[in-house]
């Protein structure tokens, strides 16, 4: 059973329209794929487009040893996330950052993050371009992926960002794992909005 305080904050997220329909427990169960993929990861994890709190808040509860950054561009969602973090008693190890990923990737978090997670953040190319600048060499991007999806993460395209795809986990949780094999080139990310408007692949 999911943590009671976690269920409570996610139910509030759904009432606010930040989390999709269906039982909260289903959203928590979906987040298990991210938790499995992050086994062995330590240090700092950034949740891109945290909005409704999944998988970021699930990670906060299940992996209390991690330093988590919940990143979202919308003020209302960030306000909810701050309240949720306080309700979960995780203020000291969780930071809520309001801003665009393209800007954050040019700041103090560039190339220092151990893992980036993303659920419904955007198309593969935009997600990769926003995640790569944050990741240190050897870091991981774990992103939600439809079970039937094929060839959405081309090796040539990811290589432009210093990334390479890992084999998808063979289980019921649909995630794709991308490794930051080299540092992201200085020219990425491009200006706000450009990764989505003019995708690299």
N, C-alpha and C. Protein backbone atom coordinates (compact mmCIF):
# COMPACT_ATOMS: atom_id res chain seq x y z
N UNK A 1 0.84 -1.21 0.00
CA UNK A 1 0.00 0.00 0.00
C UNK A 1 0.87 1.26 0.00
N UNK A 2 0.50 2.26 -0.82
CA UNK A 2 1.26 3.51 -0.83
C UNK A 2 1.16 4.24 0.52
N UNK A 3 2.16 5.03 0.82
CA UNK A 3 2.19 5.86 2.01
C UNK A 3 0.93 6.73 2.08
N UNK A 4 0.31 6.79 3.27
CA UNK A 4 -0.95 7.52 3.41
C UNK A 4 -0.82 9.00 3.11
N UNK A 5 0.27 9.62 3.59
CA UNK A 5 0.46 11.05 3.31
C UNK A 5 0.67 11.29 1.82
N UNK A 6 1.36 10.37 1.16
CA UNK A 6 1.57 10.49 -0.29
C UNK A 6 0.24 10.41 -1.03
N UNK A 7 -0.59 9.45 -0.67
CA UNK A 7 -1.90 9.32 -1.31
C UNK A 7 -2.70 10.60 -1.13
N UNK A 8 -2.65 11.17 0.06
CA UNK A 8 -3.41 12.39 0.35
C UNK A 8 -2.98 13.55 -0.54
N UNK A 9 -1.66 13.76 -0.68
CA UNK A 9 -1.20 14.89 -1.51
C UNK A 9 -1.48 14.64 -2.98
N UNK A 10 -1.41 13.38 -3.42
CA UNK A 10 -1.69 13.10 -4.83
C UNK A 10 -3.19 13.22 -5.13
N UNK A 11 -4.02 12.90 -4.17
CA UNK A 11 -5.46 13.10 -4.37
C UNK A 11 -5.76 14.60 -4.50
N UNK A 12 -5.07 15.41 -3.73
CA UNK A 12 -5.24 16.86 -3.86
C UNK A 12 -4.75 17.32 -5.23
N UNK A 13 -3.64 16.76 -5.69
CA UNK A 13 -3.13 17.09 -7.01
C UNK A 13 -4.17 16.81 -8.08
N UNK A 14 -4.84 15.69 -7.95
CA UNK A 14 -5.86 15.33 -8.93
C UNK A 14 -7.05 16.28 -8.87
N UNK A 15 -7.44 16.67 -7.66
CA UNK A 15 -8.56 17.63 -7.52
C UNK A 15 -8.22 18.97 -8.15
N UNK A 16 -6.95 19.34 -8.08
CA UNK A 16 -6.51 20.60 -8.67
C UNK A 16 -6.35 20.52 -10.19
N UNK A 17 -6.45 19.31 -10.72
CA UNK A 17 -6.32 19.12 -12.17
C UNK A 17 -4.90 18.93 -12.64
N UNK A 18 -3.97 18.67 -11.72
CA UNK A 18 -2.57 18.50 -12.08
C UNK A 18 -2.23 17.03 -12.38
N UNK A 19 -3.03 16.12 -11.89
CA UNK A 19 -2.79 14.69 -12.07
C UNK A 19 -3.96 14.09 -12.83
N UNK A 20 -3.66 13.17 -13.73
CA UNK A 20 -4.69 12.58 -14.58
C UNK A 20 -5.71 11.74 -13.82
N UNK A 21 -6.73 11.25 -14.52
CA UNK A 21 -7.78 10.46 -13.88
C UNK A 21 -7.30 9.08 -13.46
N UNK A 22 -8.16 8.39 -12.75
CA UNK A 22 -7.83 7.04 -12.29
C UNK A 22 -7.38 7.05 -10.85
N UNK A 23 -7.42 5.88 -10.21
CA UNK A 23 -7.00 5.79 -8.81
C UNK A 23 -5.57 6.27 -8.61
N UNK A 24 -5.35 6.98 -7.53
CA UNK A 24 -4.00 7.45 -7.20
C UNK A 24 -3.03 6.28 -7.12
N UNK A 25 -3.52 5.15 -6.61
CA UNK A 25 -2.66 3.97 -6.48
C UNK A 25 -2.10 3.53 -7.82
N UNK A 26 -2.87 3.73 -8.90
CA UNK A 26 -2.37 3.37 -10.24
C UNK A 26 -1.20 4.26 -10.65
N UNK A 27 -1.29 5.54 -10.31
CA UNK A 27 -0.20 6.46 -10.63
C UNK A 27 1.06 6.09 -9.85
N UNK A 28 0.87 5.71 -8.59
CA UNK A 28 2.01 5.30 -7.77
C UNK A 28 2.62 4.03 -8.33
N UNK A 29 1.77 3.11 -8.76
CA UNK A 29 2.26 1.85 -9.33
C UNK A 29 3.06 2.12 -10.61
N UNK A 30 2.60 3.05 -11.43
CA UNK A 30 3.33 3.39 -12.65
C UNK A 30 4.71 3.95 -12.32
N UNK A 31 4.79 4.69 -11.22
CA UNK A 31 6.07 5.29 -10.82
C UNK A 31 7.08 4.24 -10.40
N UNK A 32 6.64 3.02 -10.13
CA UNK A 32 7.56 1.97 -9.72
C UNK A 32 8.63 1.70 -10.78
N UNK A 33 8.27 1.88 -12.04
CA UNK A 33 9.24 1.69 -13.12
C UNK A 33 10.42 2.64 -13.00
N UNK A 34 10.14 3.88 -12.57
CA UNK A 34 11.22 4.84 -12.35
C UNK A 34 12.09 4.41 -11.18
N UNK A 35 11.43 3.96 -10.10
CA UNK A 35 12.18 3.54 -8.91
C UNK A 35 13.10 2.38 -9.24
N UNK A 36 12.60 1.42 -10.00
CA UNK A 36 13.41 0.27 -10.38
C UNK A 36 14.61 0.69 -11.21
N UNK A 37 14.38 1.63 -12.15
CA UNK A 37 15.46 2.07 -13.04
C UNK A 37 16.52 2.86 -12.28
N UNK A 38 16.15 3.47 -11.16
CA UNK A 38 17.08 4.29 -10.40
C UNK A 38 17.78 3.51 -9.29
N UNK A 39 17.58 2.22 -9.27
CA UNK A 39 18.26 1.41 -8.26
C UNK A 39 19.78 1.58 -8.42
N UNK A 40 20.43 1.89 -7.35
CA UNK A 40 21.88 2.12 -7.40
C UNK A 40 22.28 3.56 -7.62
N UNK A 41 21.33 4.41 -8.03
CA UNK A 41 21.63 5.83 -8.22
C UNK A 41 21.65 6.53 -6.86
N UNK A 42 22.66 7.36 -6.64
CA UNK A 42 22.74 8.16 -5.42
C UNK A 42 22.90 9.62 -5.81
N UNK A 43 22.77 10.51 -4.84
CA UNK A 43 23.01 11.92 -5.11
C UNK A 43 21.74 12.68 -5.46
N UNK A 44 21.83 13.50 -6.52
CA UNK A 44 20.75 14.42 -6.86
C UNK A 44 19.98 13.95 -8.09
N UNK A 45 18.64 14.01 -7.98
CA UNK A 45 17.74 13.62 -9.07
C UNK A 45 16.81 14.80 -9.37
N UNK A 46 16.65 15.12 -10.65
CA UNK A 46 15.75 16.19 -11.07
C UNK A 46 14.55 15.57 -11.78
N UNK A 47 13.35 15.99 -11.36
CA UNK A 47 12.11 15.58 -12.01
C UNK A 47 11.69 16.71 -12.94
N UNK A 48 11.77 16.48 -14.25
CA UNK A 48 11.39 17.49 -15.24
C UNK A 48 9.87 17.59 -15.34
N UNK A 49 9.34 18.80 -15.22
CA UNK A 49 7.90 18.98 -15.33
C UNK A 49 7.15 18.24 -14.24
N UNK A 50 7.52 18.49 -13.00
CA UNK A 50 6.98 17.73 -11.87
C UNK A 50 5.47 17.86 -11.70
N UNK A 51 4.93 19.01 -12.04
CA UNK A 51 3.50 19.29 -12.02
C UNK A 51 2.64 18.58 -11.02
N UNK A 52 2.13 17.39 -11.38
CA UNK A 52 1.19 16.67 -10.53
C UNK A 52 1.83 15.85 -9.44
N UNK A 53 3.15 15.76 -9.44
CA UNK A 53 3.82 15.06 -8.35
C UNK A 53 4.23 13.63 -8.62
N UNK A 54 3.96 13.13 -9.82
CA UNK A 54 4.35 11.76 -10.17
C UNK A 54 5.28 11.82 -11.38
N UNK A 55 6.45 11.22 -11.28
CA UNK A 55 6.92 10.32 -10.21
C UNK A 55 7.70 10.99 -9.09
N UNK A 56 7.90 12.32 -9.16
CA UNK A 56 8.79 13.00 -8.23
C UNK A 56 8.47 12.77 -6.76
N UNK A 57 7.21 12.96 -6.36
CA UNK A 57 6.85 12.81 -4.95
C UNK A 57 6.92 11.36 -4.50
N UNK A 58 6.67 10.44 -5.42
CA UNK A 58 6.81 9.01 -5.08
C UNK A 58 8.27 8.72 -4.77
N UNK A 59 9.15 9.27 -5.58
CA UNK A 59 10.59 9.10 -5.35
C UNK A 59 11.01 9.70 -4.01
N UNK A 60 10.46 10.87 -3.69
CA UNK A 60 10.77 11.52 -2.41
C UNK A 60 10.45 10.61 -1.24
N UNK A 61 9.31 9.94 -1.31
CA UNK A 61 8.87 9.07 -0.21
C UNK A 61 9.66 7.76 -0.18
N UNK A 62 9.86 7.16 -1.34
CA UNK A 62 10.46 5.83 -1.40
C UNK A 62 11.98 5.84 -1.32
N UNK A 63 12.62 6.96 -1.67
CA UNK A 63 14.09 7.03 -1.65
C UNK A 63 14.53 8.24 -0.81
N UNK A 64 14.33 8.18 0.50
CA UNK A 64 14.61 9.35 1.35
C UNK A 64 16.08 9.76 1.39
N UNK A 65 16.97 8.89 0.89
CA UNK A 65 18.40 9.24 0.91
C UNK A 65 18.79 10.15 -0.26
N UNK A 66 17.90 10.31 -1.23
CA UNK A 66 18.22 11.12 -2.40
C UNK A 66 17.91 12.59 -2.17
N UNK A 67 18.66 13.46 -2.84
CA UNK A 67 18.35 14.88 -2.92
C UNK A 67 17.54 15.08 -4.21
N UNK A 68 16.32 15.58 -4.08
CA UNK A 68 15.41 15.65 -5.23
C UNK A 68 15.08 17.10 -5.56
N UNK A 69 15.12 17.42 -6.85
CA UNK A 69 14.70 18.74 -7.34
C UNK A 69 13.45 18.54 -8.18
N UNK A 70 12.37 19.22 -7.79
CA UNK A 70 11.12 19.16 -8.53
C UNK A 70 11.03 20.44 -9.38
N UNK A 71 11.12 20.28 -10.68
CA UNK A 71 11.19 21.42 -11.60
C UNK A 71 9.91 21.55 -12.40
N UNK A 72 9.32 22.74 -12.37
CA UNK A 72 8.13 22.99 -13.17
C UNK A 72 8.09 24.47 -13.55
N UNK A 73 7.52 24.77 -14.70
CA UNK A 73 7.49 26.15 -15.19
C UNK A 73 6.27 26.92 -14.70
N UNK A 74 5.28 26.24 -14.12
CA UNK A 74 4.03 26.89 -13.73
C UNK A 74 4.01 27.20 -12.24
N UNK A 75 3.71 28.46 -11.90
CA UNK A 75 3.72 28.91 -10.51
C UNK A 75 2.71 28.14 -9.66
N UNK A 76 1.52 27.88 -10.18
CA UNK A 76 0.48 27.18 -9.39
C UNK A 76 0.92 25.77 -9.05
N UNK A 77 1.54 25.11 -9.99
CA UNK A 77 2.00 23.75 -9.73
C UNK A 77 3.15 23.75 -8.73
N UNK A 78 4.03 24.72 -8.83
CA UNK A 78 5.13 24.80 -7.88
C UNK A 78 4.61 25.08 -6.47
N UNK A 79 3.57 25.91 -6.36
CA UNK A 79 2.98 26.18 -5.05
C UNK A 79 2.42 24.89 -4.45
N UNK A 80 1.73 24.10 -5.28
CA UNK A 80 1.23 22.81 -4.80
C UNK A 80 2.38 21.91 -4.37
N UNK A 81 3.43 21.85 -5.17
CA UNK A 81 4.56 20.97 -4.86
C UNK A 81 5.23 21.37 -3.55
N UNK A 82 5.35 22.66 -3.29
CA UNK A 82 5.95 23.10 -2.03
C UNK A 82 5.10 22.67 -0.84
N UNK A 83 3.79 22.80 -0.98
CA UNK A 83 2.89 22.37 0.09
C UNK A 83 2.98 20.86 0.28
N UNK A 84 3.08 20.13 -0.83
CA UNK A 84 3.16 18.67 -0.76
C UNK A 84 4.44 18.22 -0.07
N UNK A 85 5.55 18.85 -0.42
CA UNK A 85 6.84 18.51 0.19
C UNK A 85 6.79 18.76 1.70
N UNK A 86 6.17 19.87 2.09
CA UNK A 86 6.04 20.17 3.53
C UNK A 86 5.17 19.12 4.21
N UNK A 87 4.07 18.74 3.56
CA UNK A 87 3.18 17.73 4.14
C UNK A 87 3.87 16.38 4.30
N UNK A 88 4.81 16.10 3.43
CA UNK A 88 5.55 14.84 3.48
C UNK A 88 6.76 14.92 4.41
N UNK A 89 7.00 16.09 4.99
CA UNK A 89 8.12 16.26 5.91
C UNK A 89 9.47 16.14 5.24
N UNK A 90 9.55 16.58 3.98
CA UNK A 90 10.79 16.39 3.20
C UNK A 90 11.44 17.72 2.82
N UNK A 91 11.13 18.78 3.54
CA UNK A 91 11.62 20.12 3.19
C UNK A 91 13.15 20.19 3.07
N UNK A 92 13.86 19.46 3.91
CA UNK A 92 15.31 19.62 3.99
C UNK A 92 16.06 18.99 2.82
N UNK A 93 15.44 18.06 2.12
CA UNK A 93 16.16 17.36 1.06
C UNK A 93 15.49 17.48 -0.31
N UNK A 94 14.44 18.28 -0.39
CA UNK A 94 13.73 18.46 -1.65
C UNK A 94 13.65 19.95 -1.97
N UNK A 95 13.99 20.29 -3.19
CA UNK A 95 13.92 21.68 -3.65
C UNK A 95 12.92 21.78 -4.78
N UNK A 96 12.00 22.72 -4.67
CA UNK A 96 11.05 23.00 -5.75
C UNK A 96 11.57 24.21 -6.51
N UNK A 97 11.79 24.02 -7.80
CA UNK A 97 12.34 25.09 -8.64
C UNK A 97 11.33 25.46 -9.72
N UNK A 98 10.96 26.74 -9.74
CA UNK A 98 10.06 27.24 -10.78
C UNK A 98 10.90 27.81 -11.91
N UNK A 99 10.75 27.25 -13.10
CA UNK A 99 11.53 27.76 -14.23
C UNK A 99 11.48 26.80 -15.40
N UNK A 100 12.07 27.23 -16.49
CA UNK A 100 12.15 26.43 -17.70
C UNK A 100 13.42 25.59 -17.69
N UNK A 101 13.29 24.36 -18.14
CA UNK A 101 14.44 23.45 -18.14
C UNK A 101 15.60 23.99 -18.97
N UNK A 102 15.27 24.71 -20.06
CA UNK A 102 16.34 25.26 -20.90
C UNK A 102 17.19 26.27 -20.13
N UNK A 103 16.56 27.02 -19.23
CA UNK A 103 17.30 27.99 -18.42
C UNK A 103 18.08 27.30 -17.31
N UNK A 104 17.45 26.34 -16.65
CA UNK A 104 18.09 25.63 -15.55
C UNK A 104 19.34 24.90 -16.05
N UNK A 105 19.27 24.40 -17.28
CA UNK A 105 20.40 23.68 -17.86
C UNK A 105 21.60 24.55 -18.17
N UNK A 106 21.43 25.86 -18.05
CA UNK A 106 22.54 26.80 -18.26
C UNK A 106 23.07 27.35 -16.94
N UNK A 107 22.49 26.91 -15.83
CA UNK A 107 22.84 27.46 -14.53
C UNK A 107 23.70 26.53 -13.70
N UNK A 108 23.56 26.66 -12.37
CA UNK A 108 24.43 25.95 -11.44
C UNK A 108 24.19 24.44 -11.41
N UNK A 109 23.08 23.98 -11.97
CA UNK A 109 22.83 22.54 -11.99
C UNK A 109 23.39 21.86 -13.25
N UNK A 110 24.04 22.62 -14.09
CA UNK A 110 24.57 22.03 -15.32
C UNK A 110 25.65 21.00 -15.00
N UNK A 111 25.48 19.81 -15.56
CA UNK A 111 26.44 18.70 -15.52
C UNK A 111 26.76 18.21 -14.10
N UNK A 112 25.83 18.38 -13.16
CA UNK A 112 26.08 17.91 -11.80
C UNK A 112 25.01 16.94 -11.29
N UNK A 113 24.01 16.66 -12.09
CA UNK A 113 22.88 15.84 -11.64
C UNK A 113 23.15 14.36 -11.95
N UNK A 114 22.78 13.50 -11.02
CA UNK A 114 23.03 12.06 -11.18
C UNK A 114 21.95 11.36 -12.02
N UNK A 115 20.72 11.88 -11.97
CA UNK A 115 19.65 11.29 -12.78
C UNK A 115 18.57 12.33 -13.01
N UNK A 116 17.92 12.22 -14.16
CA UNK A 116 16.76 13.04 -14.50
C UNK A 116 15.61 12.09 -14.80
N UNK A 117 14.44 12.40 -14.24
CA UNK A 117 13.25 11.59 -14.53
C UNK A 117 12.22 12.49 -15.20
N UNK A 118 11.42 11.90 -16.08
CA UNK A 118 10.43 12.69 -16.81
C UNK A 118 9.24 11.82 -17.18
N UNK A 119 8.06 12.30 -16.86
CA UNK A 119 6.82 11.63 -17.23
C UNK A 119 5.96 12.64 -17.97
N UNK A 120 5.67 12.39 -19.23
CA UNK A 120 4.83 13.27 -20.04
C UNK A 120 5.39 14.69 -20.13
N UNK A 121 6.72 14.80 -20.14
CA UNK A 121 7.35 16.12 -20.22
C UNK A 121 7.26 16.67 -21.64
N UNK A 122 7.50 15.81 -22.63
CA UNK A 122 7.48 16.27 -24.01
C UNK A 122 7.95 15.16 -24.92
N UNK A 123 8.06 15.42 -26.23
CA UNK A 123 8.56 14.42 -27.18
C UNK A 123 9.99 14.03 -26.83
N UNK A 124 10.43 12.86 -27.31
CA UNK A 124 11.77 12.38 -26.95
C UNK A 124 12.90 13.39 -27.18
N UNK A 125 12.95 14.03 -28.34
CA UNK A 125 14.05 14.94 -28.63
C UNK A 125 14.09 16.12 -27.66
N UNK A 126 12.94 16.70 -27.36
CA UNK A 126 12.89 17.83 -26.43
C UNK A 126 13.25 17.40 -25.02
N UNK A 127 12.77 16.23 -24.61
CA UNK A 127 13.09 15.72 -23.28
C UNK A 127 14.59 15.49 -23.14
N UNK A 128 15.18 14.86 -24.16
CA UNK A 128 16.61 14.58 -24.12
C UNK A 128 17.43 15.87 -24.09
N UNK A 129 17.05 16.85 -24.91
CA UNK A 129 17.82 18.09 -24.97
C UNK A 129 17.73 18.90 -23.67
N UNK A 130 16.60 18.78 -22.97
CA UNK A 130 16.45 19.49 -21.70
C UNK A 130 17.12 18.74 -20.55
N UNK A 131 17.24 17.42 -20.67
CA UNK A 131 17.84 16.62 -19.60
C UNK A 131 19.36 16.57 -19.70
N UNK A 132 19.89 16.43 -20.90
CA UNK A 132 21.33 16.21 -21.08
C UNK A 132 22.22 17.27 -20.43
N UNK A 133 21.89 18.56 -20.53
CA UNK A 133 22.76 19.56 -19.92
C UNK A 133 22.86 19.45 -18.40
N UNK A 134 21.84 18.87 -17.77
CA UNK A 134 21.84 18.72 -16.31
C UNK A 134 22.71 17.56 -15.85
N UNK A 135 22.82 16.53 -16.68
CA UNK A 135 23.43 15.28 -16.26
C UNK A 135 24.96 15.31 -16.29
N UNK A 136 25.56 14.77 -15.27
CA UNK A 136 26.99 14.53 -15.28
C UNK A 136 27.26 13.33 -16.21
N UNK A 137 28.47 13.19 -16.66
CA UNK A 137 28.83 12.01 -17.45
C UNK A 137 28.61 10.76 -16.59
N UNK A 138 27.89 9.80 -17.13
CA UNK A 138 27.53 8.60 -16.39
C UNK A 138 26.15 8.66 -15.76
N UNK A 139 25.51 9.83 -15.81
CA UNK A 139 24.17 9.97 -15.26
C UNK A 139 23.12 9.35 -16.16
N UNK A 140 21.90 9.25 -15.64
CA UNK A 140 20.82 8.58 -16.35
C UNK A 140 19.61 9.48 -16.54
N UNK A 141 18.99 9.37 -17.71
CA UNK A 141 17.66 9.90 -17.96
C UNK A 141 16.70 8.72 -17.96
N UNK A 142 15.67 8.78 -17.13
CA UNK A 142 14.64 7.74 -17.09
C UNK A 142 13.32 8.41 -17.46
N UNK A 143 12.73 7.96 -18.55
CA UNK A 143 11.56 8.64 -19.09
C UNK A 143 10.44 7.65 -19.36
N UNK A 144 9.22 8.08 -19.08
CA UNK A 144 8.04 7.25 -19.34
C UNK A 144 7.92 6.98 -20.83
N UNK A 145 7.58 5.75 -21.17
CA UNK A 145 7.56 5.36 -22.58
C UNK A 145 6.44 4.35 -22.81
N UNK A 146 5.60 4.58 -23.83
CA UNK A 146 4.55 3.60 -24.13
C UNK A 146 5.14 2.22 -24.39
N UNK A 147 4.51 1.16 -23.91
CA UNK A 147 5.06 -0.19 -24.07
C UNK A 147 5.31 -0.57 -25.53
N UNK A 148 4.46 -0.06 -26.42
CA UNK A 148 4.58 -0.47 -27.83
C UNK A 148 5.49 0.44 -28.64
N UNK A 149 6.04 1.49 -28.02
CA UNK A 149 6.84 2.46 -28.76
C UNK A 149 8.14 1.84 -29.27
N UNK A 150 8.49 2.18 -30.51
CA UNK A 150 9.72 1.68 -31.11
C UNK A 150 10.49 2.83 -31.76
N UNK A 151 11.81 2.78 -31.66
CA UNK A 151 12.69 3.69 -32.39
C UNK A 151 12.40 5.17 -32.16
N UNK A 152 12.02 5.52 -30.94
CA UNK A 152 11.79 6.94 -30.62
C UNK A 152 13.05 7.61 -30.07
N UNK A 153 14.09 6.81 -29.83
CA UNK A 153 15.32 7.33 -29.25
C UNK A 153 16.50 6.89 -30.11
N UNK A 154 16.67 7.46 -31.30
CA UNK A 154 17.72 7.02 -32.22
C UNK A 154 19.12 7.30 -31.68
N UNK A 155 20.01 6.35 -31.89
CA UNK A 155 21.37 6.49 -31.38
C UNK A 155 22.07 7.73 -31.95
N UNK A 156 21.90 7.98 -33.23
CA UNK A 156 22.56 9.13 -33.85
C UNK A 156 22.09 10.45 -33.25
N UNK A 157 20.78 10.55 -33.01
CA UNK A 157 20.23 11.76 -32.43
C UNK A 157 20.70 11.98 -31.01
N UNK A 158 20.68 10.94 -30.21
CA UNK A 158 21.12 11.06 -28.83
C UNK A 158 22.61 11.37 -28.73
N UNK A 159 23.38 10.85 -29.67
CA UNK A 159 24.83 11.07 -29.66
C UNK A 159 25.17 12.55 -29.77
N UNK A 160 24.33 13.35 -30.42
CA UNK A 160 24.58 14.80 -30.51
C UNK A 160 24.59 15.45 -29.14
N UNK A 161 23.90 14.81 -28.18
CA UNK A 161 23.79 15.34 -26.82
C UNK A 161 24.73 14.63 -25.85
N UNK A 162 25.56 13.73 -26.38
CA UNK A 162 26.45 12.95 -25.52
C UNK A 162 25.75 11.79 -24.84
N UNK A 163 24.62 11.37 -25.39
CA UNK A 163 23.79 10.33 -24.78
C UNK A 163 23.79 9.04 -25.60
N UNK A 164 23.37 7.95 -24.96
CA UNK A 164 23.20 6.68 -25.65
C UNK A 164 22.09 5.90 -24.97
N UNK A 165 21.23 5.21 -25.76
CA UNK A 165 20.13 4.46 -25.15
C UNK A 165 20.64 3.18 -24.50
N UNK A 166 20.04 2.85 -23.38
CA UNK A 166 20.25 1.55 -22.77
C UNK A 166 19.11 0.64 -23.18
N UNK A 167 19.29 -0.66 -23.04
CA UNK A 167 18.21 -1.59 -23.32
C UNK A 167 17.04 -1.30 -22.38
N UNK A 168 15.84 -1.35 -22.91
CA UNK A 168 14.66 -1.10 -22.06
C UNK A 168 14.48 -2.24 -21.08
N UNK A 169 14.11 -1.94 -19.84
CA UNK A 169 13.89 -2.99 -18.85
C UNK A 169 12.81 -3.95 -19.32
N UNK A 170 13.01 -5.21 -19.07
CA UNK A 170 12.04 -6.23 -19.50
C UNK A 170 11.06 -6.50 -18.36
N UNK A 171 10.16 -5.56 -18.15
CA UNK A 171 9.14 -5.74 -17.12
C UNK A 171 7.88 -4.99 -17.54
N UNK A 172 6.91 -4.90 -16.64
CA UNK A 172 5.62 -4.32 -16.98
C UNK A 172 5.61 -2.80 -16.86
N UNK A 173 6.67 -2.20 -16.34
CA UNK A 173 6.71 -0.76 -16.17
C UNK A 173 7.38 -0.13 -17.38
N UNK A 174 6.66 0.72 -18.08
CA UNK A 174 7.13 1.24 -19.36
C UNK A 174 8.00 2.47 -19.16
N UNK A 175 9.31 2.27 -19.10
CA UNK A 175 10.25 3.38 -19.07
C UNK A 175 11.39 3.10 -20.04
N UNK A 176 12.01 4.17 -20.50
CA UNK A 176 13.21 4.08 -21.31
C UNK A 176 14.35 4.68 -20.51
N UNK A 177 15.51 4.04 -20.54
CA UNK A 177 16.69 4.53 -19.84
C UNK A 177 17.72 5.00 -20.86
N UNK A 178 18.18 6.24 -20.68
CA UNK A 178 19.20 6.84 -21.54
C UNK A 178 20.40 7.19 -20.66
N UNK A 179 21.61 6.85 -21.11
CA UNK A 179 22.80 7.17 -20.33
C UNK A 179 23.52 8.38 -20.92
N UNK A 180 23.99 9.26 -20.05
CA UNK A 180 24.81 10.40 -20.46
C UNK A 180 26.25 9.90 -20.50
N UNK A 181 26.68 9.43 -21.65
CA UNK A 181 28.00 8.80 -21.74
C UNK A 181 29.13 9.83 -21.79
N UNK A 182 28.86 11.01 -22.34
CA UNK A 182 29.82 12.11 -22.38
C UNK A 182 29.12 13.38 -21.91
N UNK A 183 29.90 14.40 -21.58
CA UNK A 183 29.29 15.67 -21.20
C UNK A 183 28.50 16.25 -22.37
N UNK A 184 27.37 16.86 -22.06
CA UNK A 184 26.57 17.51 -23.10
C UNK A 184 27.36 18.67 -23.70
N UNK A 185 27.39 18.78 -25.02
CA UNK A 185 28.11 19.90 -25.67
C UNK A 185 27.58 21.25 -25.21
N UNK A 186 28.45 22.25 -25.21
CA UNK A 186 28.11 23.58 -24.71
C UNK A 186 26.95 24.22 -25.45
N UNK A 187 26.72 23.86 -26.70
CA UNK A 187 25.68 24.54 -27.48
C UNK A 187 24.26 24.14 -27.07
N UNK A 188 24.12 23.13 -26.23
CA UNK A 188 22.80 22.70 -25.77
C UNK A 188 22.63 23.00 -24.29
N UNK A 189 21.42 23.33 -23.84
CA UNK A 189 20.18 23.40 -24.62
C UNK A 189 20.09 24.70 -25.41
N UNK A 190 19.31 24.67 -26.45
CA UNK A 190 19.05 25.87 -27.21
C UNK A 190 18.06 26.77 -26.46
N UNK A 191 17.69 27.89 -27.06
CA UNK A 191 16.82 28.86 -26.38
C UNK A 191 15.47 28.24 -26.01
N UNK A 192 14.80 28.89 -25.05
CA UNK A 192 13.50 28.42 -24.57
C UNK A 192 12.55 28.19 -25.73
N UNK A 193 11.96 27.01 -25.75
CA UNK A 193 10.97 26.66 -26.76
C UNK A 193 11.55 26.02 -28.01
N UNK A 194 12.82 26.26 -28.28
CA UNK A 194 13.42 25.74 -29.52
C UNK A 194 13.50 24.21 -29.53
N UNK A 195 13.88 23.54 -28.41
CA UNK A 195 13.95 22.07 -28.45
C UNK A 195 12.65 21.40 -28.90
N UNK A 196 11.51 21.99 -28.54
CA UNK A 196 10.22 21.42 -28.95
C UNK A 196 9.84 21.84 -30.37
N UNK A 197 10.15 23.08 -30.73
CA UNK A 197 9.76 23.59 -32.05
C UNK A 197 10.64 23.05 -33.17
N UNK A 198 11.94 22.88 -32.88
CA UNK A 198 12.87 22.38 -33.89
C UNK A 198 13.64 21.19 -33.30
N UNK A 199 12.99 20.04 -33.16
CA UNK A 199 13.61 18.89 -32.50
C UNK A 199 14.84 18.39 -33.24
N UNK A 200 15.81 17.92 -32.49
CA UNK A 200 17.06 17.43 -33.06
C UNK A 200 16.87 16.13 -33.82
N UNK A 201 15.86 15.35 -33.44
CA UNK A 201 15.58 14.09 -34.14
C UNK A 201 14.11 13.75 -34.08
